[in-house]
Amino acid sequence: MLAGVLFCMTASVLFAVLCYYTVFLAPLDGYEVFGWRVMGTVILVGLMISLLKEWRPISKQLIKIFKTPQHLLILLVCTALISLQLFLFAWAPLNQSSEALAMGYFLMPLSMVLCGRLIFQEQLSNYQKLAVTLATLGVISNLVIHGNLSWVSMLVMLGYPPYFILKRQLGLSAIHSMFIEHLLMLPIGILFVHAQNWSPDFFAVQQHGWLVIAGLGILGGVALLCFIAGSKLLPMSLFGMLGYLEPLLLFVVSLILPGSRFSPIDFFTYVPIWLAICCLILNGWKSYQRTSPKAEYAA
């Protein structure tokens, strides 16, 4: 249990560090950062798969998917959806949109709750209903203050639910799925970097450019691997609660990045959403207590 918690917390911290890491990547643009990160992650995860001797299971899963057109289509759609999220994660910090990115990750768990209700007819608890109400108030406040909800926030909030829903149908293990998706992204990543002649301006400015690029791949890969390890070791409810640490850290990072646009009036947006997250955490904690072995023993 403790190992799972540590893995999840490490993943959240590394994702936040990855967001701040963009300050060391100038003058790369979002396309180049995406490309270099994908290449680095493929190499790192490929090494992990070699150490775990998982190449044969991956090959069998790929053959099975390619023999089933429906599964192949789902895999391609999932890859497109997660590619968009990885690109946004690379692009937003470089374009003064980190706060919008954090907002999207704050709202994403709430959009998952709504998808569960609307698509799978899941019943909402009182805490979940209160969370949705508070989040709605936060979004309305944002619309009143800024006139719109950032397209970055919208893509994060609405892009993840279909990804998770479709991914369930593939039945892939987490590490296999991550590697296959990044492998499919690899040609696009290489194309983005090649279009900029392999980033000569960056290497001209950065004396240790290759080390910085290696750091990008290592951070991204290790963060994802820790995330996957945590998801395997923890009950889903506890894993979900710890997932709220990432958007909080992303928000903190967005405040210290150059070009931060946060002002006190934005608290009218963030406070209701933070309260909504607290409701979901409390709901998850109560669910975890009900299903934990200790609770069962006490009963």
Protein backbone atom coordinates (compact mmCIF):
# COMPACT_ATOMS: atom_id res chain seq x y z
CA MET A 1 0.00 0.00 0.00
CA LEU A 2 2.73 2.47 1.01
CA ALA A 3 4.69 1.71 -2.16
CA GLY A 4 1.61 2.49 -4.27
CA VAL A 5 1.06 5.81 -2.50
CA LEU A 6 4.72 6.74 -2.99
CA PHE A 7 4.58 5.82 -6.68
CA CYS A 8 1.48 7.99 -7.21
CA MET A 9 2.91 10.96 -5.33
CA THR A 10 6.19 10.65 -7.22
CA ALA A 11 4.31 10.60 -10.53
CA SER A 12 2.37 13.76 -9.62
CA VAL A 13 5.55 15.58 -8.56
CA LEU A 14 7.38 14.50 -11.73
CA PHE A 15 4.50 15.65 -13.96
CA ALA A 16 4.63 19.05 -12.24
CA VAL A 17 8.42 19.18 -12.67
CA LEU A 18 7.92 18.24 -16.33
CA CYS A 19 5.61 21.23 -16.73
CA TYR A 20 8.23 23.57 -15.22
CA TYR A 21 11.01 21.86 -17.21
CA THR A 22 9.88 23.77 -20.29
CA VAL A 23 11.82 26.84 -19.06
CA PHE A 24 14.99 24.91 -19.93
CA LEU A 25 13.73 23.99 -23.40
CA ALA A 26 13.74 27.42 -25.07
CA PRO A 27 13.71 28.07 -28.00
CA LEU A 28 11.90 24.78 -28.74
CA ASP A 29 8.20 25.07 -29.62
CA GLY A 30 5.42 22.74 -28.48
CA TYR A 31 5.75 20.52 -31.55
CA GLU A 32 9.44 19.92 -30.95
CA VAL A 33 8.98 19.29 -27.22
CA PHE A 34 6.26 16.76 -28.04
CA GLY A 35 8.50 15.03 -30.59
CA TRP A 36 11.54 14.81 -28.35
CA ARG A 37 9.46 13.61 -25.41
CA VAL A 38 7.83 10.83 -27.44
CA MET A 39 11.20 9.64 -28.74
CA GLY A 40 12.72 9.68 -25.25
CA THR A 41 9.75 7.84 -23.75
CA VAL A 42 9.82 5.12 -26.41
CA ILE A 43 13.51 4.48 -25.71
CA LEU A 44 13.09 4.44 -21.92
CA VAL A 45 9.97 2.26 -21.86
CA GLY A 46 11.49 -0.01 -24.50
CA LEU A 47 14.45 -0.58 -22.18
CA MET A 48 12.07 -1.33 -19.30
CA ILE A 49 10.18 -3.85 -21.44
CA SER A 50 13.49 -5.50 -22.36
CA LEU A 51 14.45 -5.78 -18.69
CA LEU A 52 11.03 -7.25 -17.87
CA LYS A 53 11.20 -9.56 -20.93
CA GLU A 54 7.79 -8.40 -22.13
CA TRP A 55 8.44 -8.28 -25.88
CA ARG A 56 6.68 -11.58 -26.63
CA PRO A 57 3.43 -10.62 -24.80
CA ILE A 58 3.42 -7.24 -26.57
CA SER A 59 3.90 -8.92 -29.95
CA LYS A 60 1.01 -11.30 -29.26
CA GLN A 61 -1.25 -8.41 -28.22
CA LEU A 62 -0.37 -6.41 -31.33
CA ILE A 63 -1.09 -9.36 -33.63
CA LYS A 64 -4.42 -9.90 -31.89
CA ILE A 65 -5.36 -6.21 -32.27
CA PHE A 66 -4.38 -6.03 -35.94
CA LYS A 67 -6.52 -9.10 -36.64
CA THR A 68 -9.57 -7.34 -35.16
CA PRO A 69 -10.51 -4.20 -37.17
CA GLN A 70 -12.69 -2.87 -34.34
CA HIS A 71 -9.84 -3.11 -31.81
CA LEU A 72 -7.40 -1.58 -34.29
CA LEU A 73 -9.74 1.38 -34.81
CA ILE A 74 -10.12 1.82 -31.04
CA LEU A 75 -6.34 1.72 -30.59
CA LEU A 76 -5.83 4.38 -33.27
CA VAL A 77 -8.50 6.62 -31.75
CA CYS A 78 -7.00 6.18 -28.26
CA THR A 79 -3.56 7.04 -29.62
CA ALA A 80 -4.92 10.17 -31.29
CA LEU A 81 -6.65 11.25 -28.07
CA ILE A 82 -3.63 10.73 -25.81
CA SER A 83 -1.34 12.34 -28.43
CA LEU A 84 -3.46 15.47 -28.19
CA GLN A 85 -3.12 15.49 -24.39
CA LEU A 86 0.66 15.02 -24.53
CA PHE A 87 0.92 17.80 -27.09
CA LEU A 88 -1.14 20.16 -24.91
CA PHE A 89 1.07 19.31 -21.93
CA ALA A 90 4.10 20.33 -24.01
CA TRP A 91 2.52 23.34 -25.73
CA ALA A 92 0.66 25.04 -22.86
CA PRO A 93 3.63 25.99 -20.61
CA LEU A 94 5.44 27.49 -23.61
CA ASN A 95 2.42 29.62 -24.53
CA GLN A 96 1.38 31.08 -21.15
CA SER A 97 -1.49 28.57 -20.84
CA SER A 98 -0.33 26.57 -17.81
CA GLU A 99 -3.21 27.83 -15.67
CA ALA A 100 -5.71 26.73 -18.32
CA LEU A 101 -3.96 23.34 -18.43
CA ALA A 102 -4.22 22.99 -14.64
CA MET A 103 -7.89 24.03 -14.79
CA GLY A 104 -8.54 21.27 -17.32
CA TYR A 105 -6.96 18.68 -15.04
CA PHE A 106 -9.02 19.99 -12.10
CA LEU A 107 -12.22 19.62 -14.14
CA MET A 108 -11.32 16.27 -15.72
CA PRO A 109 -12.31 14.09 -12.70
CA LEU A 110 -15.65 15.89 -12.61
CA SER A 111 -16.21 15.24 -16.31
CA MET A 112 -15.46 11.57 -15.61
CA VAL A 113 -18.16 11.58 -12.92
CA LEU A 114 -20.66 13.08 -15.39
CA CYS A 115 -19.71 10.52 -18.05
CA GLY A 116 -20.32 7.74 -15.56
CA ARG A 117 -23.77 9.13 -14.86
CA LEU A 118 -24.81 9.94 -18.44
CA ILE A 119 -23.21 7.04 -20.32
CA PHE A 120 -23.10 4.19 -17.80
CA GLN A 121 -26.12 5.28 -15.72
CA GLU A 122 -24.02 5.23 -12.55
CA GLN A 123 -25.75 6.65 -9.49
CA LEU A 124 -24.11 9.75 -8.00
CA SER A 125 -23.56 9.99 -4.27
CA ASN A 126 -24.51 13.17 -2.41
CA TYR A 127 -20.84 14.20 -2.35
CA GLN A 128 -20.58 13.73 -6.11
CA LYS A 129 -23.75 15.75 -6.71
CA LEU A 130 -22.37 18.55 -4.52
CA ALA A 131 -19.04 18.37 -6.38
CA VAL A 132 -20.74 18.73 -9.77
CA THR A 133 -22.78 21.69 -8.47
CA LEU A 134 -19.70 23.46 -7.08
CA ALA A 135 -17.70 22.84 -10.26
CA THR A 136 -20.56 24.24 -12.33
CA LEU A 137 -20.50 27.40 -10.19
CA GLY A 138 -16.75 27.65 -10.78
CA VAL A 139 -17.15 27.32 -14.54
CA ILE A 140 -19.95 29.92 -14.56
CA SER A 141 -17.71 32.29 -12.56
CA ASN A 142 -14.95 31.78 -15.12
CA LEU A 143 -17.37 32.56 -17.96
CA VAL A 144 -18.54 35.74 -16.21
CA ILE A 145 -14.97 36.90 -15.45
CA HIS A 146 -13.23 35.96 -18.71
CA GLY A 147 -16.12 35.57 -21.13
CA ASN A 148 -15.18 32.00 -22.04
CA LEU A 149 -13.61 28.79 -20.81
CA SER A 150 -10.16 28.25 -22.31
CA TRP A 151 -10.07 25.81 -25.22
CA VAL A 152 -7.06 24.19 -23.52
CA SER A 153 -9.16 23.46 -20.42
CA MET A 154 -12.00 22.19 -22.60
CA LEU A 155 -9.76 19.78 -24.53
CA VAL A 156 -8.25 18.34 -21.34
CA MET A 157 -11.61 18.11 -19.58
CA LEU A 158 -13.46 16.53 -22.52
CA GLY A 159 -10.59 14.61 -24.13
CA TYR A 160 -9.73 12.18 -21.35
CA PRO A 161 -13.15 10.55 -20.69
CA PRO A 162 -13.53 9.01 -24.20
CA TYR A 163 -9.89 7.88 -24.01
CA PHE A 164 -10.44 5.98 -20.75
CA ILE A 165 -13.81 4.61 -21.88
CA LEU A 166 -12.44 3.27 -25.18
CA LYS A 167 -9.23 1.98 -23.62
CA ARG A 168 -11.20 -0.38 -21.38
CA GLN A 169 -12.30 -2.31 -24.46
CA LEU A 170 -8.75 -3.20 -25.52
CA GLY A 171 -7.81 -5.18 -22.41
CA LEU A 172 -4.15 -4.14 -22.62
CA SER A 173 -1.92 -3.93 -19.57
CA ALA A 174 -0.92 -0.38 -18.69
CA ILE A 175 2.76 -0.59 -19.67
CA HIS A 176 1.98 -2.41 -22.93
CA SER A 177 -0.69 0.13 -23.81
CA MET A 178 1.62 3.06 -23.06
CA PHE A 179 4.44 1.63 -25.19
CA ILE A 180 2.18 0.77 -28.14
CA GLU A 181 0.56 4.22 -28.10
CA HIS A 182 3.93 5.98 -27.98
CA LEU A 183 5.22 3.70 -30.72
CA LEU A 184 2.31 4.79 -32.93
CA MET A 185 3.04 8.43 -32.06
CA LEU A 186 6.72 8.02 -32.93
CA PRO A 187 6.46 8.80 -36.70
CA ILE A 188 4.57 12.04 -35.92
CA GLY A 189 7.09 12.96 -33.21
CA ILE A 190 10.01 12.37 -35.58
CA LEU A 191 8.21 14.37 -38.29
CA PHE A 192 7.73 17.36 -35.94
CA VAL A 193 11.40 17.38 -34.95
CA HIS A 194 12.63 16.73 -38.50
CA ALA A 195 10.50 19.65 -39.77
CA GLN A 196 12.66 21.92 -37.60
CA ASN A 197 15.90 20.31 -38.83
CA TRP A 198 16.33 18.56 -35.47
CA SER A 199 16.26 21.78 -33.44
CA PRO A 200 19.62 23.39 -34.37
CA ASP A 201 18.75 26.67 -32.60
CA PHE A 202 18.16 24.82 -29.34
CA PHE A 203 21.49 23.01 -29.48
CA ALA A 204 23.25 26.25 -30.42
CA VAL A 205 21.89 27.94 -27.28
CA GLN A 206 22.05 24.96 -24.91
CA GLN A 207 25.61 23.88 -24.25
CA HIS A 208 24.39 20.55 -22.87
CA GLY A 209 21.39 20.21 -25.16
CA TRP A 210 21.43 16.43 -25.41
CA LEU A 211 21.42 16.11 -21.61
CA VAL A 212 18.41 18.43 -21.42
CA ILE A 213 16.60 16.39 -24.08
CA ALA A 214 17.51 13.17 -22.26
CA GLY A 215 16.11 14.69 -19.06
CA LEU A 216 12.84 15.41 -20.87
CA GLY A 217 12.50 11.79 -21.96
CA ILE A 218 13.50 10.42 -18.56
CA LEU A 219 11.10 12.69 -16.67
CA GLY A 220 8.20 11.84 -18.97
CA GLY A 221 8.93 8.12 -19.00
CA VAL A 222 9.57 7.72 -15.26
CA ALA A 223 6.48 9.78 -14.41
CA LEU A 224 4.31 7.51 -16.57
CA LEU A 225 5.89 4.35 -15.18
CA CYS A 226 5.35 5.52 -11.58
CA PHE A 227 1.77 6.37 -12.47
CA ILE A 228 1.24 2.88 -13.90
CA ALA A 229 2.91 1.20 -10.91
CA GLY A 230 0.69 3.14 -8.51
CA SER A 231 -2.44 2.21 -10.44
CA LYS A 232 -1.58 -1.49 -10.05
CA LEU A 233 -0.77 -1.38 -6.34
CA LEU A 234 -3.65 0.73 -5.00
CA PRO A 235 -7.42 0.30 -4.77
CA MET A 236 -9.11 2.37 -7.49
CA SER A 237 -10.79 4.75 -5.02
CA LEU A 238 -7.52 5.59 -3.24
CA PHE A 239 -5.69 5.84 -6.58
CA GLY A 240 -8.34 8.30 -7.78
CA MET A 241 -7.96 10.47 -4.68
CA LEU A 242 -4.19 10.70 -5.07
CA GLY A 243 -4.71 11.71 -8.70
CA TYR A 244 -5.98 15.10 -7.53
CA LEU A 245 -2.47 15.99 -6.34
CA GLU A 246 -1.26 16.48 -9.93
CA PRO A 247 -3.56 19.38 -10.95
CA LEU A 248 -2.84 21.11 -7.63
CA LEU A 249 0.91 20.94 -8.28
CA LEU A 250 0.38 22.00 -11.92
CA PHE A 251 -1.51 25.04 -10.67
CA VAL A 252 1.35 25.96 -8.30
CA VAL A 253 3.85 25.58 -11.16
CA SER A 254 1.68 27.76 -13.41
CA LEU A 255 1.99 30.60 -10.88
CA ILE A 256 5.80 30.60 -11.03
CA LEU A 257 6.17 30.14 -14.78
CA PRO A 258 6.87 33.26 -16.87
CA GLY A 259 3.71 34.94 -18.14
CA SER A 260 1.39 33.88 -15.30
CA ARG A 261 -1.98 35.62 -15.67
CA PHE A 262 -3.53 34.64 -12.34
CA SER A 263 -5.25 37.46 -10.46
CA PRO A 264 -7.17 37.53 -7.14
CA ILE A 265 -10.52 37.64 -8.96
CA ASP A 266 -9.74 34.16 -10.34
CA PHE A 267 -10.30 32.77 -6.84
CA PHE A 268 -14.03 33.00 -7.63
CA THR A 269 -13.36 30.32 -10.24
CA TYR A 270 -10.83 28.17 -8.43
CA VAL A 271 -12.30 28.05 -4.91
CA PRO A 272 -15.58 26.35 -5.96
CA ILE A 273 -13.60 23.87 -8.08
CA TRP A 274 -11.19 23.15 -5.22
CA LEU A 275 -14.17 22.57 -2.92
CA ALA A 276 -15.61 20.23 -5.55
CA ILE A 277 -12.35 18.28 -5.58
CA CYS A 278 -12.48 18.07 -1.77
CA CYS A 279 -15.97 16.56 -2.07
CA LEU A 280 -14.69 13.93 -4.51
CA ILE A 281 -11.74 13.13 -2.25
CA LEU A 282 -14.08 12.74 0.72
CA ASN A 283 -16.37 10.54 -1.37
CA GLY A 284 -13.41 8.41 -2.45
CA TRP A 285 -12.14 8.11 1.11
CA LYS A 286 -15.52 6.92 2.37
CA SER A 287 -15.70 4.44 -0.51
CA TYR A 288 -12.20 3.20 0.31
CA GLN A 289 -13.11 2.76 3.98
CA ARG A 290 -16.16 0.70 3.03
CA THR A 291 -14.20 -1.62 0.74
CA SER A 292 -10.88 -1.88 2.63
CA PRO A 293 -10.04 -5.17 4.38
CA LYS A 294 -10.02 -3.39 7.73
CA ALA A 295 -13.56 -2.15 7.19
CA GLU A 296 -14.67 -5.63 6.20
CA TYR A 297 -13.07 -7.12 9.32
CA ALA A 298 -14.71 -4.53 11.54
CA ALA A 299 -18.08 -5.37 10.01
